[in-house]
C-alpha atoms as a PDB file:
ATOM      1  CA  MET A   1      -4.132  -7.420   0.082  1.00  0.00           C
ATOM      2  CA  VAL A   2      -3.466 -10.686   1.883  1.00  0.00           C
ATOM      3  CA  PRO A   3      -1.074 -11.152   3.732  1.00  0.00           C
ATOM      4  CA  THR A   4      -0.845  -7.443   4.740  1.00  0.00           C
ATOM      5  CA  LEU A   5      -4.592  -6.938   5.155  1.00  0.00           C
ATOM      6  CA  ARG A   6      -7.640  -9.168   5.282  1.00  0.00           C
ATOM      7  CA  GLU A   7     -11.315  -8.545   4.659  1.00  0.00           C
ATOM      8  CA  GLY A   8     -12.874  -6.863   7.672  1.00  0.00           C
ATOM      9  CA  ASP A   9      -9.680  -5.196   8.954  1.00  0.00           C
ATOM     10  CA  GLN A  10     -10.297  -1.720  10.339  1.00  0.00           C
ATOM     11  CA  LEU A  11      -7.891   0.916   9.046  1.00  0.00           C
ATOM     12  CA  LEU A  12      -6.843   4.455   9.895  1.00  0.00           C
ATOM     13  CA  VAL A  13      -6.482   6.526   6.722  1.00  0.00           C
ATOM     14  CA  ARG A  14      -4.958   9.970   6.355  1.00  0.00           C
ATOM     15  CA  TYR A  15      -6.983  11.588   3.612  1.00  0.00           C
ATOM     16  CA  GLY A  16      -4.994  13.824   1.271  1.00  0.00           C
ATOM     17  CA  ALA A  17      -1.640  12.498   2.528  1.00  0.00           C
ATOM     18  CA  PRO A  18       1.213  12.487   0.018  1.00  0.00           C
ATOM     19  CA  ILE A  19       1.553   9.141  -1.726  1.00  0.00           C
ATOM     20  CA  ARG A  20       4.854   7.500  -2.548  1.00  0.00           C
ATOM     21  CA  ALA A  21       5.764   4.142  -4.040  1.00  0.00           C
ATOM     22  CA  GLY A  22       5.291   1.356  -1.495  1.00  0.00           C
ATOM     23  CA  ALA A  23       2.476   3.079   0.408  1.00  0.00           C
ATOM     24  CA  VAL A  24      -0.829   1.334   1.056  1.00  0.00           C
ATOM     25  CA  VAL A  25      -3.561   3.618  -0.306  1.00  0.00           C
ATOM     26  CA  LEU A  26      -7.330   3.994  -0.269  1.00  0.00           C
ATOM     27  CA  PHE A  27      -8.933   4.908  -3.600  1.00  0.00           C
ATOM     28  CA  ARG A  28     -12.179   4.875  -5.548  1.00  0.00           C
ATOM     29  CA  HIS A  29     -12.380   2.065  -8.088  1.00  0.00           C
ATOM     30  CA  PRO A  30     -11.954   3.558 -11.587  1.00  0.00           C
ATOM     31  CA  PHE A  31     -15.003   1.731 -13.017  1.00  0.00           C
ATOM     32  CA  GLN A  32     -17.243   1.672  -9.928  1.00  0.00           C
ATOM     33  CA  GLN A  33     -16.559   4.873  -8.032  1.00  0.00           C
ATOM     34  CA  ASP A  34     -18.896   4.120  -5.130  1.00  0.00           C
ATOM     35  CA  LEU A  35     -16.525   1.236  -4.258  1.00  0.00           C
ATOM     36  CA  LEU A  36     -13.548   2.017  -1.986  1.00  0.00           C
ATOM     37  CA  VAL A  37     -10.483  -0.178  -2.503  1.00  0.00           C
ATOM     38  CA  VAL A  38      -7.136  -0.613  -0.724  1.00  0.00           C
ATOM     39  CA  LYS A  39      -4.004  -1.475  -2.731  1.00  0.00           C
ATOM     40  CA  ARG A  40      -0.283  -0.756  -2.689  1.00  0.00           C
ATOM     41  CA  ALA A  41       1.086   2.109  -4.791  1.00  0.00           C
ATOM     42  CA  ALA A  42       3.755   0.469  -6.928  1.00  0.00           C
ATOM     43  CA  GLU A  43       4.823   3.437  -9.052  1.00  0.00           C
ATOM     44  CA  ARG A  44       3.794   6.817 -10.363  1.00  0.00           C
ATOM     45  CA  ARG A  45       2.966   6.888 -14.067  1.00  0.00           C
ATOM     46  CA  SER A  46       1.969   9.690 -16.424  1.00  0.00           C
ATOM     47  CA  LYS A  47      -1.765   8.974 -16.085  1.00  0.00           C
ATOM     48  CA  GLY A  48      -1.819   8.200 -12.358  1.00  0.00           C
ATOM     49  CA  TRP A  49      -0.718   5.612  -9.814  1.00  0.00           C
ATOM     50  CA  TRP A  50      -0.040   1.980 -10.701  1.00  0.00           C
ATOM     51  CA  LEU A  51      -1.695   0.116  -7.809  1.00  0.00           C
ATOM     52  CA  LEU A  52      -1.083  -3.568  -7.085  1.00  0.00           C
ATOM     53  CA  SER A  53      -2.380  -6.124  -4.633  1.00  0.00           C
ATOM     54  CA  ASP A  54       0.082  -7.727  -2.205  1.00  0.00           C
ATOM     55  CA  ASN A  55      -1.545 -11.020  -3.179  1.00  0.00           C
ATOM     56  CA  ARG A  56       0.063 -11.342  -6.637  1.00  0.00           C
ATOM     57  CA  PRO A  57      -2.262 -14.072  -8.046  1.00  0.00           C
ATOM     58  CA  VAL A  58      -5.172 -11.615  -7.574  1.00  0.00           C
ATOM     59  CA  ASP A  59      -5.210  -9.371 -10.633  1.00  0.00           C
ATOM     60  CA  SER A  60      -8.076  -7.018  -9.722  1.00  0.00           C
ATOM     61  CA  ASP A  61      -5.654  -4.106  -9.637  1.00  0.00           C
ATOM     62  CA  SER A  62      -3.917  -1.867 -12.174  1.00  0.00           C
ATOM     63  CA  ARG A  63      -3.102  -4.920 -14.266  1.00  0.00           C
ATOM     64  CA  SER A  64      -6.813  -5.060 -15.158  1.00  0.00           C
ATOM     65  CA  TYR A  65      -7.871  -1.373 -15.029  1.00  0.00           C
ATOM     66  CA  GLY A  66      -4.643   0.554 -15.662  1.00  0.00           C
ATOM     67  CA  PRO A  67      -3.253   3.524 -13.750  1.00  0.00           C
ATOM     68  CA  VAL A  68      -5.596   5.146 -11.218  1.00  0.00           C
ATOM     69  CA  PRO A  69      -5.950   8.928 -11.682  1.00  0.00           C
ATOM     70  CA  ASP A  70      -4.746  11.117  -8.805  1.00  0.00           C
ATOM     71  CA  ASP A  71      -8.240  12.445  -8.110  1.00  0.00           C
ATOM     72  CA  LEU A  72      -9.442   8.902  -7.282  1.00  0.00           C
ATOM     73  CA  VAL A  73      -6.626   8.243  -4.770  1.00  0.00           C
ATOM     74  CA  LEU A  74      -8.096   9.437  -1.469  1.00  0.00           C
ATOM     75  CA  GLY A  75      -5.312   8.882   1.049  1.00  0.00           C
ATOM     76  CA  ARG A  76      -2.630   6.775   2.655  1.00  0.00           C
ATOM     77  CA  VAL A  77      -3.366   3.942   5.081  1.00  0.00           C
ATOM     78  CA  LEU A  78      -1.406   4.600   8.273  1.00  0.00           C
ATOM     79  CA  LEU A  79      -2.501   1.803  10.621  1.00  0.00           C
ATOM     80  CA  ARG A  80      -4.445  -1.397  10.798  1.00  0.00           C
ATOM     81  CA  LEU A  81      -6.434  -0.967  14.007  1.00  0.00           C
ATOM     82  CA  ARG A  82      -8.170  -4.336  14.213  1.00  0.00           C
ATOM     83  CA  PRO A  83      -7.913  -7.290  14.631  1.00  0.00           C
ATOM     84  CA  SER A  84      -4.335  -6.553  15.730  1.00  0.00           C
ATOM     85  CA  PRO A  85      -2.661  -3.151  15.406  1.00  0.00           C
ATOM     86  CA  ALA A  86       0.014  -2.828  12.739  1.00  0.00           C
ATOM     87  CA  TRP A  87       1.846   0.247  11.475  1.00  0.00           C
ATOM     88  CA  LEU A  88       1.601   0.467   7.666  1.00  0.00           C
ATOM     89  CA  ALA A  89       3.233   3.832   6.948  1.00  0.00           C
ATOM     90  CA  PRO A  90       6.714   4.283   8.427  1.00  0.00           C
ATOM     91  CA  GLY A  91       8.644   7.494   7.781  1.00  0.00           C
ATOM     92  CA  ARG A  92      11.440   7.676   5.223  1.00  0.00           C
ATOM     93  CA  GLY A  93      14.165   7.489   7.882  1.00  0.00           C
ATOM     94  CA  LEU A  94      12.816   4.238   9.306  1.00  0.00           C
ATOM     95  CA  GLU A  95      12.361   2.875   5.786  1.00  0.00           C
ATOM     96  CA  ARG A  96      16.017   3.558   4.931  1.00  0.00           C
ATOM     97  CA  LEU A  97      17.173   1.999   8.205  1.00  0.00           C
ATOM     98  CA  LEU A  98      15.113  -1.177   7.707  1.00  0.00           C
ATOM     99  CA  LEU A  99      16.341  -1.585   4.131  1.00  0.00           C
ATOM    100  CA  ALA A 100      20.009  -1.019   5.045  1.00  0.00           C
ATOM    101  CA  PRO A 101      22.178  -4.139   4.618  1.00  0.00           C
ATOM    102  CA  ARG A 102      22.445  -5.016   8.316  1.00  0.00           C
ATOM    103  CA  LEU A 103      18.696  -4.979   9.101  1.00  0.00           C
ATOM    104  CA  ALA A 104      17.647  -6.174   5.645  1.00  0.00           C
ATOM    105  CA  ARG A 105      19.145  -9.579   6.540  1.00  0.00           C
ATOM    106  CA  VAL A 106      16.522 -10.108   9.268  1.00  0.00           C
ATOM    107  CA  PRO A 107      13.787 -12.052   7.444  1.00  0.00           C
ATOM    108  CA  GLY A 108      10.439 -10.272   7.357  1.00  0.00           C
ATOM    109  CA  LEU A 109      11.436  -7.423   9.702  1.00  0.00           C
ATOM    110  CA  ALA A 110      10.882  -4.608   7.193  1.00  0.00           C
ATOM    111  CA  ARG A 111       7.511  -5.979   6.071  1.00  0.00           C
ATOM    112  CA  LYS A 112       6.324  -6.377   9.678  1.00  0.00           C
ATOM    113  CA  LEU A 113       7.059  -2.689  10.240  1.00  0.00           C
ATOM    114  CA  GLY A 114       5.279  -1.578   7.080  1.00  0.00           C
ATOM    115  CA  VAL A 115       8.190  -1.223   4.656  1.00  0.00           C
ATOM    116  CA  TRP A 116       7.524  -2.657   1.254  1.00  0.00           C
ATOM    117  CA  ALA A 117      10.329  -3.518  -1.128  1.00  0.00           C
ATOM    118  CA  GLU A 118       9.937  -5.347  -4.408  1.00  0.00           C
ATOM    119  CA  GLU A 119      11.106  -8.938  -3.998  1.00  0.00           C
ATOM    120  CA  ARG A 120      13.826  -9.934  -6.429  1.00  0.00           C
END
């Protein structure tokens, strides 16, 4: 999940929270269910969530194991607590504001405040 998260980061997770596209989520790996993994929910598909890494060259995500069933998605990551606090789950209102034309022109602002938008 580099650059958003690095190995060893401590996270605050809201278990059972509703998931929407763009959210950072905690889930059980589909093939090794004792392994907890953090990825970004890219889109909802018929068989579950399509989860991708923020580090695109890394393909240990849904590109290699397919959609992750809902029952394996445990919750939404709200905050990175350590090494430096960062909000990873803004509300819809803040998301809309940060993606509006005026603020969207500020490079990196939305991503710093936890809003993820597909780069075009």
